[in-house]
Amino acid sequence: MGDSQLFLDTFSITSLNAEKYDRVSRIFGHTENGDTELQLDINSELYPIAQGDRIQLMLASTLNLDGTRDDGKGWRDVGRGEQSLADTWDYVCHGKIYRFQEGDEENIKVFISFGGLLLYMQGPYKKLTPLRIDYVYLLVKK
């Protein structure tokens, strides 16, 4: 699993906005030490989140436990009895990192789309260095 993990941290949810869409909330949060900010569109019908919740968020290049690439096989194509990284997480999406932007000082901004649900993160360059313009999995649990 070590090679597949691109980012892992715990975020405190500071606010959310559920006004624009029926089943989607945009959540806002930051890491415990405050060095990384998060804005994430999440299907609130499938995975309800409230202000004050703490979530663990991982970005991974594959769901294979051994870290090998998917080779076009998605998480829905996993056969019966096959274990995957998704088994231990509550909310899983597949998307693409599509843009980076320089932030202030030593920060960088990362933009990821999961079929229209967006993730924006801003944090230290050193912490977000493993991310590249590529397909990734988003995994979330409380």
N, C-alpha and C. Protein backbone atom coordinates (compact mmCIF):
# COMPACT_ATOMS: atom_id res chain seq x y z
N MET A 1 0.80 -1.18 0.00
CA MET A 1 0.00 0.00 0.00
C MET A 1 0.86 1.26 0.00
N GLY A 2 2.07 1.18 0.43
CA GLY A 2 2.92 2.35 0.54
C GLY A 2 3.09 3.12 -0.75
N ASP A 3 3.24 2.44 -1.86
CA ASP A 3 3.44 3.12 -3.13
C ASP A 3 2.17 3.78 -3.65
N SER A 4 1.01 3.29 -3.26
CA SER A 4 -0.24 3.83 -3.78
C SER A 4 -0.68 5.09 -3.04
N GLN A 5 -0.26 5.26 -1.82
CA GLN A 5 -0.70 6.40 -1.00
C GLN A 5 0.04 7.67 -1.41
N LEU A 6 -0.71 8.64 -1.92
CA LEU A 6 -0.13 9.90 -2.36
C LEU A 6 -0.28 11.00 -1.30
N PHE A 7 -1.36 10.93 -0.54
CA PHE A 7 -1.65 11.94 0.48
C PHE A 7 -2.55 11.31 1.53
N LEU A 8 -2.29 11.61 2.80
CA LEU A 8 -3.13 11.12 3.90
C LEU A 8 -3.05 12.13 5.04
N ASP A 9 -4.24 12.58 5.51
CA ASP A 9 -4.26 13.50 6.64
C ASP A 9 -5.67 13.53 7.23
N THR A 10 -5.78 14.11 8.41
CA THR A 10 -7.06 14.25 9.10
C THR A 10 -7.47 15.72 9.04
N PHE A 11 -8.72 15.95 8.67
CA PHE A 11 -9.25 17.30 8.53
C PHE A 11 -10.40 17.52 9.51
N SER A 12 -10.47 18.72 10.07
CA SER A 12 -11.61 19.16 10.87
C SER A 12 -12.51 19.97 9.95
N ILE A 13 -13.79 19.62 9.92
CA ILE A 13 -14.74 20.32 9.05
C ILE A 13 -15.20 21.59 9.77
N THR A 14 -14.90 22.73 9.17
CA THR A 14 -15.20 24.02 9.79
C THR A 14 -16.55 24.57 9.35
N SER A 15 -16.97 24.25 8.12
CA SER A 15 -18.27 24.72 7.64
C SER A 15 -18.67 23.89 6.43
N LEU A 16 -19.94 24.02 6.06
CA LEU A 16 -20.41 23.36 4.85
C LEU A 16 -21.51 24.19 4.22
N ASN A 17 -21.66 24.01 2.91
CA ASN A 17 -22.67 24.73 2.15
C ASN A 17 -23.45 23.71 1.35
N ALA A 18 -24.75 23.56 1.64
CA ALA A 18 -25.61 22.60 0.94
C ALA A 18 -26.71 23.31 0.17
N GLU A 19 -26.53 24.58 -0.12
CA GLU A 19 -27.59 25.37 -0.73
C GLU A 19 -27.71 25.21 -2.24
N LYS A 20 -26.63 24.92 -2.94
CA LYS A 20 -26.66 24.96 -4.40
C LYS A 20 -27.29 23.72 -5.03
N TYR A 21 -27.03 22.53 -4.49
CA TYR A 21 -27.54 21.29 -5.07
C TYR A 21 -28.28 20.48 -4.01
N ASP A 22 -29.18 19.61 -4.45
CA ASP A 22 -30.00 18.82 -3.54
C ASP A 22 -29.21 17.83 -2.71
N ARG A 23 -28.34 17.07 -3.34
CA ARG A 23 -27.66 15.98 -2.65
C ARG A 23 -26.15 16.18 -2.53
N VAL A 24 -25.70 17.39 -2.75
CA VAL A 24 -24.26 17.66 -2.70
C VAL A 24 -24.00 18.81 -1.73
N SER A 25 -23.03 18.60 -0.86
CA SER A 25 -22.58 19.65 0.05
C SER A 25 -21.12 19.97 -0.25
N ARG A 26 -20.78 21.23 -0.18
CA ARG A 26 -19.38 21.63 -0.27
C ARG A 26 -18.89 21.81 1.16
N ILE A 27 -17.91 20.98 1.54
CA ILE A 27 -17.39 21.06 2.90
C ILE A 27 -16.06 21.81 2.88
N PHE A 28 -15.80 22.52 3.97
CA PHE A 28 -14.58 23.29 4.14
C PHE A 28 -13.91 22.80 5.41
N GLY A 29 -12.59 22.64 5.35
CA GLY A 29 -11.89 22.17 6.54
C GLY A 29 -10.40 22.45 6.47
N HIS A 30 -9.73 22.07 7.54
CA HIS A 30 -8.28 22.23 7.61
C HIS A 30 -7.70 21.10 8.46
N THR A 31 -6.42 20.85 8.27
CA THR A 31 -5.75 19.81 9.03
C THR A 31 -5.60 20.25 10.48
N GLU A 32 -5.25 19.29 11.31
CA GLU A 32 -5.10 19.57 12.75
C GLU A 32 -4.09 20.68 13.02
N ASN A 33 -2.98 20.68 12.29
CA ASN A 33 -1.96 21.71 12.50
C ASN A 33 -2.20 22.95 11.65
N GLY A 34 -3.27 22.94 10.83
CA GLY A 34 -3.66 24.10 10.06
C GLY A 34 -2.86 24.39 8.82
N ASP A 35 -1.96 23.49 8.42
CA ASP A 35 -1.11 23.78 7.27
C ASP A 35 -1.78 23.49 5.92
N THR A 36 -2.87 22.71 5.90
CA THR A 36 -3.53 22.36 4.65
C THR A 36 -5.02 22.66 4.74
N GLU A 37 -5.53 23.36 3.71
CA GLU A 37 -6.95 23.67 3.63
C GLU A 37 -7.61 22.75 2.61
N LEU A 38 -8.94 22.59 2.78
CA LEU A 38 -9.70 21.67 1.94
C LEU A 38 -11.05 22.27 1.62
N GLN A 39 -11.46 22.12 0.35
CA GLN A 39 -12.84 22.33 -0.07
C GLN A 39 -13.20 21.10 -0.88
N LEU A 40 -14.27 20.42 -0.51
CA LEU A 40 -14.64 19.17 -1.17
C LEU A 40 -16.14 19.12 -1.38
N ASP A 41 -16.55 18.84 -2.62
CA ASP A 41 -17.95 18.56 -2.92
C ASP A 41 -18.18 17.09 -2.63
N ILE A 42 -19.19 16.79 -1.82
CA ILE A 42 -19.42 15.41 -1.41
C ILE A 42 -20.91 15.10 -1.52
N ASN A 43 -21.24 13.89 -1.92
CA ASN A 43 -22.63 13.46 -2.00
C ASN A 43 -23.14 13.28 -0.58
N SER A 44 -23.88 14.26 -0.10
CA SER A 44 -24.31 14.26 1.30
C SER A 44 -25.43 13.26 1.57
N GLU A 45 -26.07 12.77 0.52
CA GLU A 45 -27.07 11.73 0.70
C GLU A 45 -26.40 10.39 0.99
N LEU A 46 -25.30 10.12 0.32
CA LEU A 46 -24.55 8.88 0.54
C LEU A 46 -23.67 8.95 1.78
N TYR A 47 -23.11 10.12 2.03
CA TYR A 47 -22.14 10.26 3.12
C TYR A 47 -22.35 11.60 3.82
N PRO A 48 -23.28 11.66 4.76
CA PRO A 48 -23.54 12.92 5.46
C PRO A 48 -22.37 13.34 6.36
N ILE A 49 -22.05 14.61 6.30
CA ILE A 49 -20.99 15.19 7.12
C ILE A 49 -21.54 16.47 7.75
N ALA A 50 -21.17 16.73 8.99
CA ALA A 50 -21.64 17.93 9.69
C ALA A 50 -20.45 18.78 10.10
N GLN A 51 -20.73 20.05 10.34
CA GLN A 51 -19.70 20.95 10.86
C GLN A 51 -19.20 20.40 12.19
N GLY A 52 -17.88 20.41 12.37
CA GLY A 52 -17.29 19.89 13.59
C GLY A 52 -16.81 18.45 13.46
N ASP A 53 -17.26 17.73 12.42
CA ASP A 53 -16.78 16.36 12.20
C ASP A 53 -15.30 16.37 11.86
N ARG A 54 -14.64 15.27 12.14
CA ARG A 54 -13.25 15.06 11.71
C ARG A 54 -13.26 13.91 10.71
N ILE A 55 -12.60 14.11 9.58
CA ILE A 55 -12.53 13.06 8.57
C ILE A 55 -11.07 12.77 8.25
N GLN A 56 -10.83 11.53 7.89
CA GLN A 56 -9.52 11.15 7.39
C GLN A 56 -9.66 11.07 5.87
N LEU A 57 -8.75 11.68 5.14
CA LEU A 57 -8.80 11.73 3.69
C LEU A 57 -7.51 11.20 3.11
N MET A 58 -7.66 10.30 2.14
CA MET A 58 -6.49 9.76 1.45
C MET A 58 -6.68 9.92 -0.05
N LEU A 59 -5.60 10.26 -0.73
CA LEU A 59 -5.55 10.21 -2.19
C LEU A 59 -4.59 9.08 -2.54
N ALA A 60 -5.04 8.17 -3.41
CA ALA A 60 -4.23 7.01 -3.75
C ALA A 60 -4.23 6.81 -5.26
N SER A 61 -3.16 6.25 -5.77
CA SER A 61 -3.03 6.00 -7.21
C SER A 61 -3.73 4.71 -7.63
N THR A 62 -3.98 3.82 -6.68
CA THR A 62 -4.62 2.55 -6.96
C THR A 62 -5.35 2.07 -5.72
N LEU A 63 -6.27 1.16 -5.90
CA LEU A 63 -6.95 0.54 -4.75
C LEU A 63 -6.38 -0.83 -4.43
N ASN A 64 -5.42 -1.29 -5.23
CA ASN A 64 -4.79 -2.58 -4.97
C ASN A 64 -3.97 -2.51 -3.70
N LEU A 65 -4.14 -3.49 -2.83
CA LEU A 65 -3.44 -3.49 -1.55
C LEU A 65 -1.93 -3.58 -1.71
N ASP A 66 -1.47 -4.22 -2.78
CA ASP A 66 -0.02 -4.36 -2.99
C ASP A 66 0.58 -3.15 -3.69
N GLY A 67 -0.25 -2.16 -4.05
CA GLY A 67 0.26 -0.95 -4.67
C GLY A 67 0.43 -1.01 -6.17
N THR A 68 0.11 -2.15 -6.80
CA THR A 68 0.25 -2.26 -8.25
C THR A 68 -0.83 -1.44 -8.94
N ARG A 69 -0.53 -0.98 -10.15
CA ARG A 69 -1.46 -0.16 -10.92
C ARG A 69 -2.72 -0.96 -11.27
N ASP A 70 -3.79 -0.23 -11.55
CA ASP A 70 -5.08 -0.85 -11.85
C ASP A 70 -5.15 -1.49 -13.23
N ASP A 71 -4.34 -1.00 -14.17
CA ASP A 71 -4.35 -1.47 -15.55
C ASP A 71 -5.75 -1.42 -16.16
N GLY A 72 -6.44 -0.31 -15.93
CA GLY A 72 -7.75 -0.12 -16.52
C GLY A 72 -8.89 -0.76 -15.76
N LYS A 73 -8.58 -1.55 -14.74
CA LYS A 73 -9.62 -2.18 -13.94
C LYS A 73 -9.99 -1.24 -12.81
N GLY A 74 -11.23 -0.79 -12.78
CA GLY A 74 -11.68 0.14 -11.77
C GLY A 74 -12.12 -0.57 -10.50
N TRP A 75 -12.50 0.20 -9.52
CA TRP A 75 -12.90 -0.36 -8.23
C TRP A 75 -14.19 -1.13 -8.33
N ARG A 76 -15.01 -0.87 -9.33
CA ARG A 76 -16.26 -1.61 -9.50
C ARG A 76 -16.02 -2.99 -10.12
N ASP A 77 -14.85 -3.18 -10.72
CA ASP A 77 -14.54 -4.45 -11.38
C ASP A 77 -13.86 -5.46 -10.47
N VAL A 78 -13.75 -5.15 -9.20
CA VAL A 78 -13.12 -6.08 -8.26
C VAL A 78 -14.03 -7.29 -8.09
N GLY A 79 -13.45 -8.47 -8.22
CA GLY A 79 -14.23 -9.70 -8.12
C GLY A 79 -14.61 -10.04 -6.69
N ARG A 80 -15.54 -10.95 -6.55
CA ARG A 80 -15.96 -11.38 -5.21
C ARG A 80 -14.78 -11.98 -4.45
N GLY A 81 -14.67 -11.59 -3.20
CA GLY A 81 -13.60 -12.12 -2.37
C GLY A 81 -12.28 -11.39 -2.50
N GLU A 82 -12.12 -10.57 -3.53
CA GLU A 82 -10.89 -9.79 -3.69
C GLU A 82 -10.90 -8.62 -2.72
N GLN A 83 -9.83 -8.43 -2.01
CA GLN A 83 -9.69 -7.32 -1.08
C GLN A 83 -9.15 -6.10 -1.82
N SER A 84 -9.59 -4.92 -1.40
CA SER A 84 -9.03 -3.69 -1.96
C SER A 84 -8.97 -2.64 -0.87
N LEU A 85 -8.27 -1.57 -1.14
CA LEU A 85 -8.14 -0.47 -0.21
C LEU A 85 -9.50 0.13 0.14
N ALA A 86 -10.44 0.07 -0.80
CA ALA A 86 -11.78 0.64 -0.59
C ALA A 86 -12.55 -0.06 0.53
N ASP A 87 -12.18 -1.28 0.86
CA ASP A 87 -12.90 -2.04 1.90
C ASP A 87 -12.82 -1.39 3.27
N THR A 88 -11.80 -0.63 3.53
CA THR A 88 -11.61 -0.04 4.87
C THR A 88 -11.99 1.44 4.93
N TRP A 89 -12.56 1.96 3.86
CA TRP A 89 -12.96 3.37 3.79
C TRP A 89 -14.46 3.46 3.53
N ASP A 90 -15.08 4.58 3.95
CA ASP A 90 -16.53 4.74 3.85
C ASP A 90 -16.99 5.36 2.54
N TYR A 91 -16.19 6.21 1.94
CA TYR A 91 -16.59 6.98 0.76
C TYR A 91 -15.42 6.95 -0.22
N VAL A 92 -15.67 6.47 -1.44
CA VAL A 92 -14.59 6.31 -2.43
C VAL A 92 -15.04 6.91 -3.76
N CYS A 93 -14.17 7.71 -4.37
CA CYS A 93 -14.42 8.29 -5.70
C CYS A 93 -13.17 8.14 -6.55
N HIS A 94 -13.37 8.14 -7.87
CA HIS A 94 -12.26 8.11 -8.82
C HIS A 94 -12.31 9.39 -9.62
N GLY A 95 -11.16 10.06 -9.77
CA GLY A 95 -11.15 11.31 -10.50
C GLY A 95 -9.79 11.64 -11.06
N LYS A 96 -9.65 12.89 -11.47
CA LYS A 96 -8.41 13.31 -12.12
C LYS A 96 -7.91 14.62 -11.54
N ILE A 97 -6.63 14.63 -11.22
CA ILE A 97 -5.96 15.88 -10.86
C ILE A 97 -5.77 16.63 -12.16
N TYR A 98 -6.35 17.83 -12.26
CA TYR A 98 -6.31 18.53 -13.53
C TYR A 98 -5.57 19.87 -13.50
N ARG A 99 -5.24 20.36 -12.31
CA ARG A 99 -4.55 21.65 -12.29
C ARG A 99 -3.80 21.87 -10.98
N PHE A 100 -2.66 22.54 -11.11
CA PHE A 100 -1.88 23.01 -9.98
C PHE A 100 -1.71 24.52 -10.13
N GLN A 101 -1.61 25.20 -9.01
CA GLN A 101 -1.37 26.63 -9.01
C GLN A 101 -0.44 26.96 -7.86
N GLU A 102 0.44 27.92 -8.10
CA GLU A 102 1.30 28.36 -7.01
C GLU A 102 0.48 29.14 -6.01
N GLY A 103 0.72 28.89 -4.74
CA GLY A 103 0.04 29.61 -3.67
C GLY A 103 0.97 30.66 -3.09
N ASP A 104 0.64 31.11 -1.92
CA ASP A 104 1.49 32.08 -1.24
C ASP A 104 2.65 31.37 -0.55
N GLU A 105 3.79 32.00 -0.53
CA GLU A 105 5.02 31.49 0.09
C GLU A 105 5.36 30.10 -0.43
N GLU A 106 5.35 29.08 0.44
CA GLU A 106 5.74 27.74 0.02
C GLU A 106 4.53 26.82 -0.16
N ASN A 107 3.36 27.39 -0.43
CA ASN A 107 2.16 26.59 -0.62
C ASN A 107 1.86 26.37 -2.09
N ILE A 108 1.10 25.33 -2.35
CA ILE A 108 0.65 25.00 -3.69
C ILE A 108 -0.83 24.67 -3.62
N LYS A 109 -1.55 24.94 -4.70
CA LYS A 109 -2.98 24.65 -4.79
C LYS A 109 -3.17 23.49 -5.76
N VAL A 110 -4.05 22.54 -5.39
CA VAL A 110 -4.31 21.37 -6.21
C VAL A 110 -5.80 21.31 -6.48
N PHE A 111 -6.17 21.04 -7.74
CA PHE A 111 -7.55 20.94 -8.16
C PHE A 111 -7.81 19.55 -8.73
N ILE A 112 -8.83 18.87 -8.22
CA ILE A 112 -9.16 17.50 -8.65
C ILE A 112 -10.65 17.43 -8.92
N SER A 113 -11.04 16.75 -10.00
CA SER A 113 -12.45 16.56 -10.32
C SER A 113 -12.80 15.08 -10.23
N PHE A 114 -13.90 14.81 -9.54
CA PHE A 114 -14.42 13.46 -9.42
C PHE A 114 -15.79 13.43 -10.10
N GLY A 115 -15.78 13.46 -11.43
CA GLY A 115 -17.03 13.46 -12.18
C GLY A 115 -17.89 14.67 -11.90
N GLY A 116 -17.28 15.82 -11.69
CA GLY A 116 -18.01 17.04 -11.42
C GLY A 116 -17.99 17.45 -9.95
N LEU A 117 -17.74 16.52 -9.06
CA LEU A 117 -17.55 16.86 -7.66
C LEU A 117 -16.09 17.26 -7.51
N LEU A 118 -15.85 18.43 -6.99
CA LEU A 118 -14.50 19.00 -7.00
C LEU A 118 -13.84 18.95 -5.64
N LEU A 119 -12.53 18.81 -5.67
CA LEU A 119 -11.68 18.90 -4.48
C LEU A 119 -10.63 19.96 -4.75
N TYR A 120 -10.51 20.89 -3.81
CA TYR A 120 -9.47 21.90 -3.86
C TYR A 120 -8.70 21.79 -2.55
N MET A 121 -7.40 21.69 -2.65
CA MET A 121 -6.54 21.68 -1.47
C MET A 121 -5.44 22.70 -1.65
N GLN A 122 -5.08 23.34 -0.55
CA GLN A 122 -3.92 24.23 -0.53
C GLN A 122 -3.09 23.87 0.66
N GLY A 123 -1.81 23.63 0.41
CA GLY A 123 -0.93 23.25 1.49
C GLY A 123 0.52 23.35 1.09
N PRO A 124 1.41 22.95 1.99
CA PRO A 124 2.85 23.03 1.72
C PRO A 124 3.25 22.20 0.51
N TYR A 125 4.12 22.77 -0.27
CA TYR A 125 4.61 22.09 -1.47
C TYR A 125 5.18 20.72 -1.12
N LYS A 126 5.95 20.63 -0.04
CA LYS A 126 6.57 19.35 0.34
C LYS A 126 5.53 18.28 0.64
N LYS A 127 4.40 18.67 1.20
CA LYS A 127 3.36 17.72 1.58
C LYS A 127 2.56 17.23 0.36
N LEU A 128 2.41 18.10 -0.65
CA LEU A 128 1.60 17.77 -1.83
C LEU A 128 2.45 17.38 -3.03
N THR A 129 3.76 17.27 -2.85
CA THR A 129 4.67 16.91 -3.94
C THR A 129 4.34 15.60 -4.64
N PRO A 130 3.87 14.55 -3.94
CA PRO A 130 3.60 13.29 -4.64
C PRO A 130 2.47 13.38 -5.68
N LEU A 131 1.67 14.43 -5.65
CA LEU A 131 0.56 14.55 -6.58
C LEU A 131 1.04 15.02 -7.94
N ARG A 132 0.50 14.41 -8.98
CA ARG A 132 0.82 14.75 -10.37
C ARG A 132 -0.50 14.81 -11.15
N ILE A 133 -0.49 15.42 -12.32
CA ILE A 133 -1.69 15.40 -13.15
C ILE A 133 -1.87 13.97 -13.61
N ASP A 134 -2.85 13.30 -13.01
CA ASP A 134 -3.08 11.87 -13.24
C ASP A 134 -4.42 11.50 -12.60
N TYR A 135 -4.84 10.27 -12.81
CA TYR A 135 -6.05 9.77 -12.16
C TYR A 135 -5.73 9.33 -10.74
N VAL A 136 -6.66 9.60 -9.81
CA VAL A 136 -6.47 9.25 -8.41
C VAL A 136 -7.79 8.76 -7.82
N TYR A 137 -7.67 8.10 -6.69
CA TYR A 137 -8.82 7.70 -5.89
C TYR A 137 -8.87 8.58 -4.66
N LEU A 138 -10.08 9.02 -4.31
CA LEU A 138 -10.33 9.74 -3.08
C LEU A 138 -10.98 8.76 -2.11
N LEU A 139 -10.44 8.64 -0.92
CA LEU A 139 -11.00 7.77 0.10
C LEU A 139 -11.20 8.57 1.37
N VAL A 140 -12.40 8.47 1.96
CA VAL A 140 -12.75 9.26 3.14
C VAL A 140 -13.39 8.35 4.18
N LYS A 141 -13.06 8.61 5.45
CA LYS A 141 -13.73 7.95 6.58
C LYS A 141 -13.68 8.87 7.78
N LYS A 142 -14.65 8.65 8.68
CA LYS A 142 -14.71 9.47 9.90
C LYS A 142 -13.88 8.83 10.99
